[in-house]
Amino acid sequence: MFTGIIENTGIVNAIEINGTNATFWISSTLSTELRVDQSMSHSGVCLTVEDVKENSHRVTAIEETLRKTSLGTWKVGTLINLERCMLMNGRLDGHIVQGHVDDTAVCKKKVVLDGSWEFTFEFNKQFAHLVIEKGSISVNGISLTCFNVGDNTFTVAIIPYTFEHTNMSQLEEGDIINVEFDIIGKYIQRMASLK
């Protein structure tokens, strides 16, 4: 369980393909604080730490994860967002994020404003009922608020701190991002569908 408040970024420094799996070595200042078997959010994807060496840690993504997230597009040098799992005695600064990516979306528009940035994303229309105006959404693991919600689009605003401390600074039009919709909305939709 995560909050969508990114602690740090990491850089993919090695990729190994093992059958249909991909193993990633991630370098980060957080790596030294990790332990084997710990869950960690990698640009919104919950992965298990398999090994820690110096300033790097290793994680593996199976075929299903590679197919349904942006991890299949990662290359050596890719900048990713990192968040360790939530402490139950802390504040929930963002919203409840599971690290279970629902789908990917495409950045359709990036607008540079005077002191902030707006990104518009296009997503699969089958998830339209889970995106609401002023609702929470996880974009590459970042807890953000949607606005200008359309049938299959939404926009988020990024403040300078988030832009500088996450991989949003490298996001361009046409890039693919990971999206996790609000878990509360998903449960409500499921209950309503069973009536």
N, C-alpha and C. Protein backbone atom coordinates (compact mmCIF):
# COMPACT_ATOMS: atom_id res chain seq x y z
N MET A 1 0.85 -1.19 0.00
CA MET A 1 0.00 0.00 0.00
C MET A 1 0.89 1.24 0.00
N PHE A 2 0.49 2.23 -0.81
CA PHE A 2 1.27 3.45 -0.98
C PHE A 2 0.36 4.67 -0.87
N THR A 3 0.97 5.86 -0.91
CA THR A 3 0.19 7.09 -0.79
C THR A 3 0.24 7.94 -2.05
N GLY A 4 1.15 7.62 -2.98
CA GLY A 4 1.29 8.44 -4.18
C GLY A 4 2.16 9.66 -3.96
N ILE A 5 2.84 9.72 -2.81
CA ILE A 5 3.79 10.81 -2.56
C ILE A 5 5.19 10.26 -2.83
N ILE A 6 5.77 10.68 -3.92
CA ILE A 6 7.05 10.12 -4.38
C ILE A 6 8.18 10.55 -3.44
N GLU A 7 8.98 9.57 -3.02
CA GLU A 7 10.09 9.86 -2.11
C GLU A 7 11.35 10.27 -2.85
N ASN A 8 11.58 9.64 -3.99
CA ASN A 8 12.81 9.89 -4.72
C ASN A 8 12.65 9.32 -6.13
N THR A 9 13.61 9.59 -6.96
CA THR A 9 13.64 8.98 -8.28
C THR A 9 14.81 8.00 -8.34
N GLY A 10 14.76 7.12 -9.31
CA GLY A 10 15.84 6.18 -9.55
C GLY A 10 16.10 6.09 -11.03
N ILE A 11 17.22 5.50 -11.38
CA ILE A 11 17.59 5.34 -12.79
C ILE A 11 17.81 3.87 -13.08
N VAL A 12 17.20 3.40 -14.16
CA VAL A 12 17.43 2.01 -14.59
C VAL A 12 18.86 1.92 -15.09
N ASN A 13 19.70 1.08 -14.43
CA ASN A 13 21.09 1.00 -14.87
C ASN A 13 21.46 -0.34 -15.50
N ALA A 14 20.53 -1.31 -15.47
CA ALA A 14 20.76 -2.58 -16.18
C ALA A 14 19.43 -3.30 -16.35
N ILE A 15 19.30 -4.02 -17.46
CA ILE A 15 18.09 -4.80 -17.73
C ILE A 15 18.53 -6.19 -18.20
N GLU A 16 17.95 -7.21 -17.59
CA GLU A 16 18.24 -8.59 -17.99
C GLU A 16 16.93 -9.26 -18.39
N ILE A 17 16.89 -9.90 -19.54
CA ILE A 17 15.70 -10.61 -19.99
C ILE A 17 15.88 -12.09 -19.66
N ASN A 18 14.93 -12.65 -18.91
CA ASN A 18 14.96 -14.05 -18.52
C ASN A 18 13.64 -14.69 -18.96
N GLY A 19 13.63 -15.35 -20.12
CA GLY A 19 12.39 -15.88 -20.66
C GLY A 19 11.45 -14.73 -20.99
N THR A 20 10.25 -14.74 -20.39
CA THR A 20 9.30 -13.65 -20.63
C THR A 20 9.36 -12.58 -19.55
N ASN A 21 10.29 -12.73 -18.60
CA ASN A 21 10.45 -11.76 -17.52
C ASN A 21 11.55 -10.76 -17.84
N ALA A 22 11.46 -9.59 -17.20
CA ALA A 22 12.54 -8.60 -17.30
C ALA A 22 12.98 -8.23 -15.89
N THR A 23 14.27 -8.30 -15.66
CA THR A 23 14.84 -7.92 -14.37
C THR A 23 15.53 -6.58 -14.52
N PHE A 24 15.24 -5.67 -13.59
CA PHE A 24 15.79 -4.32 -13.65
C PHE A 24 16.66 -4.06 -12.43
N TRP A 25 17.82 -3.47 -12.65
CA TRP A 25 18.64 -2.93 -11.57
C TRP A 25 18.40 -1.43 -11.55
N ILE A 26 17.98 -0.92 -10.39
CA ILE A 26 17.64 0.49 -10.24
C ILE A 26 18.64 1.12 -9.27
N SER A 27 19.26 2.22 -9.68
CA SER A 27 20.15 2.94 -8.77
C SER A 27 19.40 4.13 -8.18
N SER A 28 19.51 4.27 -6.85
CA SER A 28 18.82 5.34 -6.14
C SER A 28 19.43 5.49 -4.76
N THR A 29 19.30 6.68 -4.19
CA THR A 29 19.76 6.88 -2.82
C THR A 29 18.89 6.11 -1.84
N LEU A 30 17.69 5.71 -2.25
CA LEU A 30 16.81 4.92 -1.38
C LEU A 30 17.23 3.45 -1.33
N SER A 31 17.98 3.00 -2.32
CA SER A 31 18.31 1.58 -2.42
C SER A 31 18.99 1.05 -1.17
N THR A 32 19.87 1.83 -0.56
CA THR A 32 20.59 1.37 0.62
C THR A 32 19.68 1.17 1.82
N GLU A 33 18.49 1.76 1.78
CA GLU A 33 17.54 1.64 2.90
C GLU A 33 16.57 0.47 2.72
N LEU A 34 16.68 -0.23 1.59
CA LEU A 34 15.75 -1.32 1.30
C LEU A 34 16.27 -2.64 1.82
N ARG A 35 15.35 -3.59 1.94
CA ARG A 35 15.71 -4.96 2.29
C ARG A 35 15.03 -5.91 1.31
N VAL A 36 15.62 -7.07 1.15
CA VAL A 36 15.07 -8.08 0.26
C VAL A 36 13.67 -8.46 0.73
N ASP A 37 12.75 -8.64 -0.21
CA ASP A 37 11.36 -9.05 0.01
C ASP A 37 10.45 -7.88 0.37
N GLN A 38 10.96 -6.66 0.29
CA GLN A 38 10.15 -5.47 0.57
C GLN A 38 9.43 -5.03 -0.69
N SER A 39 8.20 -4.54 -0.54
CA SER A 39 7.46 -3.99 -1.68
C SER A 39 7.82 -2.53 -1.88
N MET A 40 7.90 -2.13 -3.14
CA MET A 40 8.22 -0.74 -3.45
C MET A 40 7.53 -0.36 -4.75
N SER A 41 7.05 0.87 -4.80
CA SER A 41 6.40 1.38 -6.01
C SER A 41 7.46 1.94 -6.96
N HIS A 42 7.43 1.44 -8.20
CA HIS A 42 8.34 1.88 -9.26
C HIS A 42 7.49 2.50 -10.36
N SER A 43 7.41 3.83 -10.36
CA SER A 43 6.53 4.55 -11.29
C SER A 43 5.11 3.98 -11.25
N GLY A 44 4.66 3.69 -10.03
CA GLY A 44 3.30 3.24 -9.81
C GLY A 44 3.10 1.75 -9.80
N VAL A 45 4.13 0.97 -10.10
CA VAL A 45 4.03 -0.49 -10.15
C VAL A 45 4.68 -1.07 -8.90
N CYS A 46 3.91 -1.83 -8.13
CA CYS A 46 4.43 -2.48 -6.94
C CYS A 46 5.29 -3.68 -7.34
N LEU A 47 6.57 -3.62 -6.98
CA LEU A 47 7.50 -4.70 -7.29
C LEU A 47 8.24 -5.10 -6.02
N THR A 48 8.66 -6.36 -5.96
CA THR A 48 9.36 -6.89 -4.80
C THR A 48 10.87 -6.74 -4.96
N VAL A 49 11.51 -6.19 -3.94
CA VAL A 49 12.97 -6.05 -3.96
C VAL A 49 13.58 -7.44 -3.81
N GLU A 50 14.41 -7.82 -4.78
CA GLU A 50 15.02 -9.15 -4.79
C GLU A 50 16.46 -9.15 -4.30
N ASP A 51 17.14 -8.03 -4.47
CA ASP A 51 18.54 -7.95 -4.07
C ASP A 51 18.90 -6.48 -3.90
N VAL A 52 19.85 -6.20 -3.03
CA VAL A 52 20.35 -4.84 -2.81
C VAL A 52 21.87 -4.90 -2.82
N LYS A 53 22.49 -4.08 -3.66
CA LYS A 53 23.94 -3.99 -3.73
C LYS A 53 24.34 -2.54 -3.85
N GLU A 54 25.08 -2.06 -2.85
CA GLU A 54 25.55 -0.68 -2.80
C GLU A 54 24.38 0.27 -2.99
N ASN A 55 24.39 1.07 -4.05
CA ASN A 55 23.32 2.05 -4.27
C ASN A 55 22.30 1.59 -5.30
N SER A 56 22.13 0.28 -5.45
CA SER A 56 21.18 -0.26 -6.43
C SER A 56 20.37 -1.39 -5.82
N HIS A 57 19.18 -1.60 -6.38
CA HIS A 57 18.37 -2.74 -6.00
C HIS A 57 17.80 -3.39 -7.26
N ARG A 58 17.42 -4.67 -7.12
CA ARG A 58 16.95 -5.45 -8.26
C ARG A 58 15.49 -5.84 -8.07
N VAL A 59 14.72 -5.72 -9.16
CA VAL A 59 13.31 -6.14 -9.18
C VAL A 59 13.05 -6.86 -10.50
N THR A 60 12.03 -7.71 -10.51
CA THR A 60 11.67 -8.42 -11.73
C THR A 60 10.19 -8.21 -12.04
N ALA A 61 9.91 -7.99 -13.31
CA ALA A 61 8.52 -7.86 -13.79
C ALA A 61 8.21 -9.05 -14.70
N ILE A 62 7.06 -9.69 -14.44
CA ILE A 62 6.64 -10.81 -15.27
C ILE A 62 5.96 -10.30 -16.54
N GLU A 63 5.68 -11.21 -17.46
CA GLU A 63 5.10 -10.85 -18.76
C GLU A 63 3.82 -10.03 -18.61
N GLU A 64 2.94 -10.44 -17.69
CA GLU A 64 1.67 -9.71 -17.47
C GLU A 64 1.94 -8.25 -17.11
N THR A 65 2.88 -8.01 -16.22
CA THR A 65 3.21 -6.64 -15.80
C THR A 65 3.82 -5.86 -16.96
N LEU A 66 4.69 -6.48 -17.71
CA LEU A 66 5.31 -5.80 -18.85
C LEU A 66 4.29 -5.42 -19.90
N ARG A 67 3.27 -6.24 -20.07
CA ARG A 67 2.24 -6.01 -21.08
C ARG A 67 1.26 -4.91 -20.65
N LYS A 68 0.96 -4.83 -19.37
CA LYS A 68 -0.10 -3.92 -18.91
C LYS A 68 0.40 -2.59 -18.34
N THR A 69 1.72 -2.42 -18.30
CA THR A 69 2.28 -1.18 -17.76
C THR A 69 3.31 -0.62 -18.74
N SER A 70 3.94 0.46 -18.34
CA SER A 70 4.98 1.06 -19.20
C SER A 70 6.34 0.41 -19.00
N LEU A 71 6.45 -0.58 -18.12
CA LEU A 71 7.76 -1.18 -17.84
C LEU A 71 8.40 -1.80 -19.07
N GLY A 72 7.59 -2.26 -20.00
CA GLY A 72 8.12 -2.83 -21.23
C GLY A 72 8.84 -1.81 -22.10
N THR A 73 8.64 -0.53 -21.83
CA THR A 73 9.31 0.53 -22.60
C THR A 73 10.57 1.04 -21.90
N TRP A 74 10.81 0.58 -20.68
CA TRP A 74 11.99 1.06 -19.94
C TRP A 74 13.27 0.67 -20.65
N LYS A 75 14.23 1.58 -20.59
CA LYS A 75 15.57 1.35 -21.16
C LYS A 75 16.59 1.73 -20.10
N VAL A 76 17.82 1.36 -20.31
CA VAL A 76 18.89 1.82 -19.42
C VAL A 76 18.91 3.35 -19.49
N GLY A 77 18.86 3.99 -18.33
CA GLY A 77 18.82 5.44 -18.27
C GLY A 77 17.44 6.01 -17.99
N THR A 78 16.39 5.17 -18.06
CA THR A 78 15.04 5.66 -17.78
C THR A 78 14.94 6.13 -16.33
N LEU A 79 14.36 7.31 -16.14
CA LEU A 79 14.13 7.87 -14.81
C LEU A 79 12.78 7.40 -14.30
N ILE A 80 12.73 6.82 -13.09
CA ILE A 80 11.47 6.31 -12.55
C ILE A 80 11.21 6.90 -11.17
N ASN A 81 9.93 6.94 -10.80
CA ASN A 81 9.51 7.42 -9.49
C ASN A 81 9.54 6.28 -8.48
N LEU A 82 9.99 6.57 -7.27
CA LEU A 82 10.08 5.55 -6.23
C LEU A 82 9.35 5.98 -4.96
N GLU A 83 8.62 5.01 -4.38
CA GLU A 83 7.98 5.22 -3.09
C GLU A 83 8.00 3.91 -2.31
N ARG A 84 8.49 3.97 -1.08
CA ARG A 84 8.43 2.80 -0.23
C ARG A 84 7.01 2.63 0.30
N CYS A 85 6.68 1.43 0.77
CA CYS A 85 5.32 1.18 1.25
C CYS A 85 4.98 2.07 2.44
N MET A 86 3.69 2.33 2.59
CA MET A 86 3.17 3.25 3.59
C MET A 86 3.37 2.70 5.01
N LEU A 87 3.74 3.60 5.91
CA LEU A 87 3.78 3.26 7.33
C LEU A 87 2.40 3.51 7.93
N MET A 88 1.88 2.58 8.69
CA MET A 88 0.52 2.72 9.23
C MET A 88 0.43 3.77 10.33
N ASN A 89 1.56 4.26 10.83
CA ASN A 89 1.52 5.28 11.87
C ASN A 89 1.81 6.68 11.33
N GLY A 90 1.71 6.82 10.00
CA GLY A 90 1.98 8.11 9.38
C GLY A 90 0.75 8.73 8.76
N ARG A 91 0.92 9.90 8.20
CA ARG A 91 -0.18 10.60 7.54
C ARG A 91 -0.34 10.07 6.12
N LEU A 92 -1.58 10.03 5.66
CA LEU A 92 -1.88 9.66 4.28
C LEU A 92 -1.95 10.97 3.49
N ASP A 93 -0.79 11.41 3.00
CA ASP A 93 -0.72 12.72 2.35
C ASP A 93 -1.34 12.75 0.96
N GLY A 94 -1.33 11.62 0.26
CA GLY A 94 -1.90 11.57 -1.08
C GLY A 94 -3.26 10.91 -1.03
N HIS A 95 -3.37 9.71 -1.60
CA HIS A 95 -4.57 8.90 -1.48
C HIS A 95 -4.13 7.44 -1.47
N ILE A 96 -5.06 6.52 -1.26
CA ILE A 96 -4.71 5.11 -1.18
C ILE A 96 -4.34 4.60 -2.57
N VAL A 97 -3.08 4.19 -2.70
CA VAL A 97 -2.55 3.67 -3.96
C VAL A 97 -2.05 2.27 -3.69
N GLN A 98 -2.49 1.30 -4.48
CA GLN A 98 -2.11 -0.09 -4.26
C GLN A 98 -0.83 -0.49 -4.99
N GLY A 99 -0.49 0.23 -6.03
CA GLY A 99 0.63 -0.18 -6.86
C GLY A 99 0.22 -1.22 -7.88
N HIS A 100 -1.10 -1.38 -8.06
CA HIS A 100 -1.65 -2.31 -9.04
C HIS A 100 -2.17 -1.48 -10.22
N VAL A 101 -1.34 -1.29 -11.21
CA VAL A 101 -1.66 -0.43 -12.35
C VAL A 101 -2.85 -1.02 -13.11
N ASP A 102 -3.84 -0.17 -13.39
CA ASP A 102 -5.03 -0.61 -14.13
C ASP A 102 -4.80 -0.60 -15.63
N ASP A 103 -4.06 0.39 -16.11
CA ASP A 103 -3.87 0.53 -17.55
C ASP A 103 -2.78 1.57 -17.80
N THR A 104 -2.46 1.76 -19.05
CA THR A 104 -1.56 2.85 -19.42
C THR A 104 -2.38 3.93 -20.10
N ALA A 105 -1.80 5.12 -20.18
CA ALA A 105 -2.42 6.24 -20.88
C ALA A 105 -1.32 6.94 -21.66
N VAL A 106 -1.73 7.77 -22.60
CA VAL A 106 -0.78 8.48 -23.45
C VAL A 106 -0.87 9.97 -23.17
N CYS A 107 0.28 10.60 -23.04
CA CYS A 107 0.31 12.06 -22.88
C CYS A 107 -0.02 12.70 -24.23
N LYS A 108 -1.14 13.40 -24.27
CA LYS A 108 -1.58 14.02 -25.52
C LYS A 108 -1.20 15.49 -25.61
N LYS A 109 -1.02 16.12 -24.44
CA LYS A 109 -0.74 17.56 -24.46
C LYS A 109 0.04 17.94 -23.22
N LYS A 110 1.10 18.72 -23.42
CA LYS A 110 1.89 19.27 -22.32
C LYS A 110 1.89 20.78 -22.47
N VAL A 111 1.43 21.48 -21.45
CA VAL A 111 1.36 22.93 -21.50
C VAL A 111 2.25 23.50 -20.40
N VAL A 112 3.19 24.35 -20.79
CA VAL A 112 4.06 25.02 -19.82
C VAL A 112 3.43 26.35 -19.47
N LEU A 113 3.10 26.52 -18.19
CA LEU A 113 2.50 27.76 -17.72
C LEU A 113 3.54 28.56 -16.95
N ASP A 114 3.14 29.67 -16.41
CA ASP A 114 4.06 30.52 -15.65
C ASP A 114 4.16 29.99 -14.22
N GLY A 115 5.00 28.97 -14.03
CA GLY A 115 5.19 28.42 -12.69
C GLY A 115 4.56 27.06 -12.46
N SER A 116 3.92 26.50 -13.46
CA SER A 116 3.36 25.15 -13.33
C SER A 116 3.24 24.53 -14.72
N TRP A 117 2.80 23.27 -14.74
CA TRP A 117 2.66 22.53 -15.99
C TRP A 117 1.32 21.81 -15.97
N GLU A 118 0.70 21.68 -17.13
CA GLU A 118 -0.51 20.88 -17.26
C GLU A 118 -0.27 19.78 -18.29
N PHE A 119 -0.68 18.58 -17.92
CA PHE A 119 -0.56 17.42 -18.82
C PHE A 119 -1.94 16.85 -19.05
N THR A 120 -2.28 16.60 -20.30
CA THR A 120 -3.55 15.95 -20.64
C THR A 120 -3.23 14.55 -21.14
N PHE A 121 -3.97 13.57 -20.61
CA PHE A 121 -3.75 12.17 -20.94
C PHE A 121 -5.00 11.57 -21.57
N GLU A 122 -4.77 10.66 -22.51
CA GLU A 122 -5.85 9.90 -23.13
C GLU A 122 -5.75 8.46 -22.63
N PHE A 123 -6.88 7.93 -22.14
CA PHE A 123 -6.90 6.59 -21.57
C PHE A 123 -7.99 5.76 -22.23
N ASN A 124 -8.00 4.47 -21.94
CA ASN A 124 -8.98 3.55 -22.50
C ASN A 124 -10.38 3.92 -21.99
N LYS A 125 -11.31 4.14 -22.90
CA LYS A 125 -12.66 4.62 -22.55
C LYS A 125 -13.41 3.67 -21.63
N GLN A 126 -13.01 2.40 -21.58
CA GLN A 126 -13.71 1.45 -20.72
C GLN A 126 -13.57 1.82 -19.23
N PHE A 127 -12.59 2.69 -18.90
CA PHE A 127 -12.38 3.11 -17.52
C PHE A 127 -12.99 4.48 -17.23
N ALA A 128 -13.78 5.02 -18.14
CA ALA A 128 -14.30 6.38 -18.00
C ALA A 128 -15.09 6.58 -16.72
N HIS A 129 -15.81 5.55 -16.27
CA HIS A 129 -16.63 5.67 -15.06
C HIS A 129 -15.79 5.80 -13.79
N LEU A 130 -14.47 5.59 -13.89
CA LEU A 130 -13.60 5.67 -12.72
C LEU A 130 -12.83 6.98 -12.62
N VAL A 131 -13.05 7.88 -13.59
CA VAL A 131 -12.35 9.17 -13.59
C VAL A 131 -13.38 10.27 -13.42
N ILE A 132 -13.23 11.03 -12.33
CA ILE A 132 -14.19 12.10 -12.06
C ILE A 132 -13.48 13.43 -11.85
N GLU A 133 -14.21 14.50 -12.12
CA GLU A 133 -13.68 15.84 -11.90
C GLU A 133 -13.28 16.02 -10.45
N LYS A 134 -12.07 16.49 -10.22
CA LYS A 134 -11.48 16.71 -8.88
C LYS A 134 -11.26 15.40 -8.12
N GLY A 135 -11.27 14.28 -8.82
CA GLY A 135 -11.01 12.99 -8.19
C GLY A 135 -9.52 12.68 -8.17
N SER A 136 -9.14 11.71 -7.35
CA SER A 136 -7.74 11.30 -7.25
C SER A 136 -7.40 10.26 -8.31
N ILE A 137 -6.17 10.33 -8.78
CA ILE A 137 -5.66 9.36 -9.74
C ILE A 137 -4.16 9.22 -9.53
N SER A 138 -3.64 8.04 -9.80
CA SER A 138 -2.20 7.82 -9.70
C SER A 138 -1.61 7.79 -11.10
N VAL A 139 -0.68 8.70 -11.38
CA VAL A 139 0.01 8.79 -12.66
C VAL A 139 1.48 8.50 -12.41
N ASN A 140 1.96 7.39 -12.94
CA ASN A 140 3.34 6.96 -12.67
C ASN A 140 3.63 6.93 -11.17
N GLY A 141 2.60 6.56 -10.40
CA GLY A 141 2.75 6.45 -8.96
C GLY A 141 2.54 7.72 -8.19
N ILE A 142 2.29 8.83 -8.88
CA ILE A 142 2.11 10.13 -8.23
C ILE A 142 0.62 10.36 -7.97
N SER A 143 0.27 10.69 -6.74
CA SER A 143 -1.12 11.03 -6.42
C SER A 143 -1.43 12.42 -6.95
N LEU A 144 -2.39 12.48 -7.91
CA LEU A 144 -2.74 13.74 -8.54
C LEU A 144 -4.26 13.91 -8.57
N THR A 145 -4.70 15.12 -8.90
CA THR A 145 -6.12 15.44 -8.99
C THR A 145 -6.49 15.71 -10.44
N CYS A 146 -7.56 15.05 -10.91
CA CYS A 146 -8.03 15.21 -12.30
C CYS A 146 -8.87 16.46 -12.45
N PHE A 147 -8.79 17.08 -13.61
CA PHE A 147 -9.76 18.13 -13.99
C PHE A 147 -9.90 18.10 -15.50
N ASN A 148 -10.85 18.87 -16.01
CA ASN A 148 -11.17 18.85 -17.45
C ASN A 148 -11.36 17.41 -17.94
N VAL A 149 -12.13 16.65 -17.18
CA VAL A 149 -12.34 15.24 -17.48
C VAL A 149 -13.27 15.10 -18.68
N GLY A 150 -12.84 14.33 -19.68
CA GLY A 150 -13.67 14.03 -20.85
C GLY A 150 -14.02 12.56 -20.87
N ASP A 151 -14.56 12.09 -21.99
CA ASP A 151 -14.93 10.68 -22.12
C ASP A 151 -13.75 9.75 -21.94
N ASN A 152 -12.60 10.14 -22.46
CA ASN A 152 -11.41 9.31 -22.31
C ASN A 152 -10.15 10.15 -22.13
N THR A 153 -10.32 11.33 -21.54
CA THR A 153 -9.18 12.21 -21.26
C THR A 153 -9.32 12.85 -19.89
N PHE A 154 -8.20 13.22 -19.33
CA PHE A 154 -8.19 14.01 -18.10
C PHE A 154 -6.92 14.84 -18.10
N THR A 155 -6.92 15.90 -17.32
CA THR A 155 -5.77 16.78 -17.21
C THR A 155 -5.34 16.85 -15.74
N VAL A 156 -4.04 16.97 -15.53
CA VAL A 156 -3.51 17.17 -14.18
C VAL A 156 -2.59 18.39 -14.21
N ALA A 157 -2.50 19.07 -13.08
CA ALA A 157 -1.60 20.21 -12.94
C ALA A 157 -0.44 19.81 -12.05
N ILE A 158 0.75 20.22 -12.43
CA ILE A 158 1.96 19.84 -11.71
C ILE A 158 2.64 21.10 -11.17
N ILE A 159 2.88 21.12 -9.86
CA ILE A 159 3.58 22.23 -9.24
C ILE A 159 5.09 22.05 -9.43
N PRO A 160 5.88 23.12 -9.25
CA PRO A 160 7.33 23.01 -9.46
C PRO A 160 8.00 21.90 -8.64
N TYR A 161 7.63 21.73 -7.38
CA TYR A 161 8.28 20.71 -6.56
C TYR A 161 8.09 19.32 -7.16
N THR A 162 6.86 19.00 -7.55
CA THR A 162 6.58 17.68 -8.14
C THR A 162 7.29 17.54 -9.47
N PHE A 163 7.31 18.59 -10.27
CA PHE A 163 7.98 18.56 -11.57
C PHE A 163 9.47 18.26 -11.41
N GLU A 164 10.09 18.87 -10.41
CA GLU A 164 11.53 18.74 -10.22
C GLU A 164 11.92 17.44 -9.52
N HIS A 165 11.01 16.84 -8.74
CA HIS A 165 11.37 15.68 -7.93
C HIS A 165 10.74 14.37 -8.39
N THR A 166 10.17 14.36 -9.60
CA THR A 166 9.60 13.14 -10.17
C THR A 166 10.00 13.06 -11.64
N ASN A 167 9.56 12.00 -12.31
CA ASN A 167 9.89 11.90 -13.74
C ASN A 167 8.94 12.70 -14.63
N MET A 168 8.06 13.51 -14.04
CA MET A 168 7.20 14.38 -14.85
C MET A 168 8.06 15.38 -15.64
N SER A 169 9.24 15.70 -15.14
CA SER A 169 10.12 16.65 -15.83
C SER A 169 10.58 16.12 -17.18
N GLN A 170 10.54 14.81 -17.36
CA GLN A 170 10.98 14.21 -18.63
C GLN A 170 9.83 13.78 -19.52
N LEU A 171 8.61 13.95 -19.05
CA LEU A 171 7.45 13.48 -19.80
C LEU A 171 7.13 14.42 -20.97
N GLU A 172 6.95 13.82 -22.14
CA GLU A 172 6.65 14.59 -23.34
C GLU A 172 5.40 14.03 -24.01
N GLU A 173 4.84 14.79 -24.92
CA GLU A 173 3.67 14.34 -25.67
C GLU A 173 4.00 13.05 -26.40
N GLY A 174 3.11 12.07 -26.32
CA GLY A 174 3.31 10.78 -26.95
C GLY A 174 3.85 9.72 -26.01
N ASP A 175 4.35 10.14 -24.83
CA ASP A 175 4.89 9.18 -23.86
C ASP A 175 3.76 8.40 -23.19
N ILE A 176 4.08 7.17 -22.80
CA ILE A 176 3.13 6.28 -22.13
C ILE A 176 3.36 6.33 -20.63
N ILE A 177 2.29 6.42 -19.86
CA ILE A 177 2.39 6.47 -18.40
C ILE A 177 1.51 5.37 -17.79
N ASN A 178 1.79 5.04 -16.53
CA ASN A 178 0.99 4.07 -15.78
C ASN A 178 -0.12 4.80 -15.05
N VAL A 179 -1.32 4.22 -15.07
CA VAL A 179 -2.47 4.81 -14.39
C VAL A 179 -3.08 3.79 -13.44
N GLU A 180 -3.33 4.23 -12.21
CA GLU A 180 -4.13 3.45 -11.27
C GLU A 180 -5.29 4.31 -10.82
N PHE A 181 -6.50 3.81 -11.03
CA PHE A 181 -7.68 4.56 -10.66
C PHE A 181 -7.97 4.39 -9.17
N ASP A 182 -8.73 5.31 -8.61
CA ASP A 182 -9.00 5.33 -7.18
C ASP A 182 -9.70 4.05 -6.72
N ILE A 183 -9.13 3.38 -5.74
CA ILE A 183 -9.67 2.10 -5.25
C ILE A 183 -11.08 2.25 -4.70
N ILE A 184 -11.39 3.38 -4.09
CA ILE A 184 -12.74 3.58 -3.54
C ILE A 184 -13.76 3.61 -4.68
N GLY A 185 -13.43 4.32 -5.75
CA GLY A 185 -14.31 4.35 -6.92
C GLY A 185 -14.50 2.97 -7.53
N LYS A 186 -13.43 2.16 -7.54
CA LYS A 186 -13.54 0.81 -8.10
C LYS A 186 -14.46 -0.07 -7.26
N TYR A 187 -14.38 0.05 -5.94
CA TYR A 187 -15.27 -0.74 -5.08
C TYR A 187 -16.72 -0.29 -5.22
N ILE A 188 -16.94 1.00 -5.31
CA ILE A 188 -18.31 1.52 -5.47
C ILE A 188 -18.89 1.03 -6.79
N GLN A 189 -18.10 1.09 -7.86
CA GLN A 189 -18.57 0.63 -9.16
C GLN A 189 -18.90 -0.86 -9.13
N ARG A 190 -18.08 -1.64 -8.45
CA ARG A 190 -18.33 -3.09 -8.35
C ARG A 190 -19.62 -3.37 -7.58
N MET A 191 -19.81 -2.67 -6.47
CA MET A 191 -21.04 -2.89 -5.68
C MET A 191 -22.28 -2.49 -6.47
N ALA A 192 -22.20 -1.38 -7.20
CA ALA A 192 -23.33 -0.92 -7.99
C ALA A 192 -23.66 -1.91 -9.11
N SER A 193 -22.64 -2.56 -9.66
CA SER A 193 -22.86 -3.49 -10.78
C SER A 193 -23.51 -4.81 -10.31
N LEU A 194 -23.46 -5.09 -9.01
CA LEU A 194 -24.02 -6.32 -8.49
C LEU A 194 -25.47 -6.19 -8.04
N LYS A 195 -26.01 -4.98 -8.08
CA LYS A 195 -27.40 -4.76 -7.63
C LYS A 195 -28.38 -5.16 -8.71
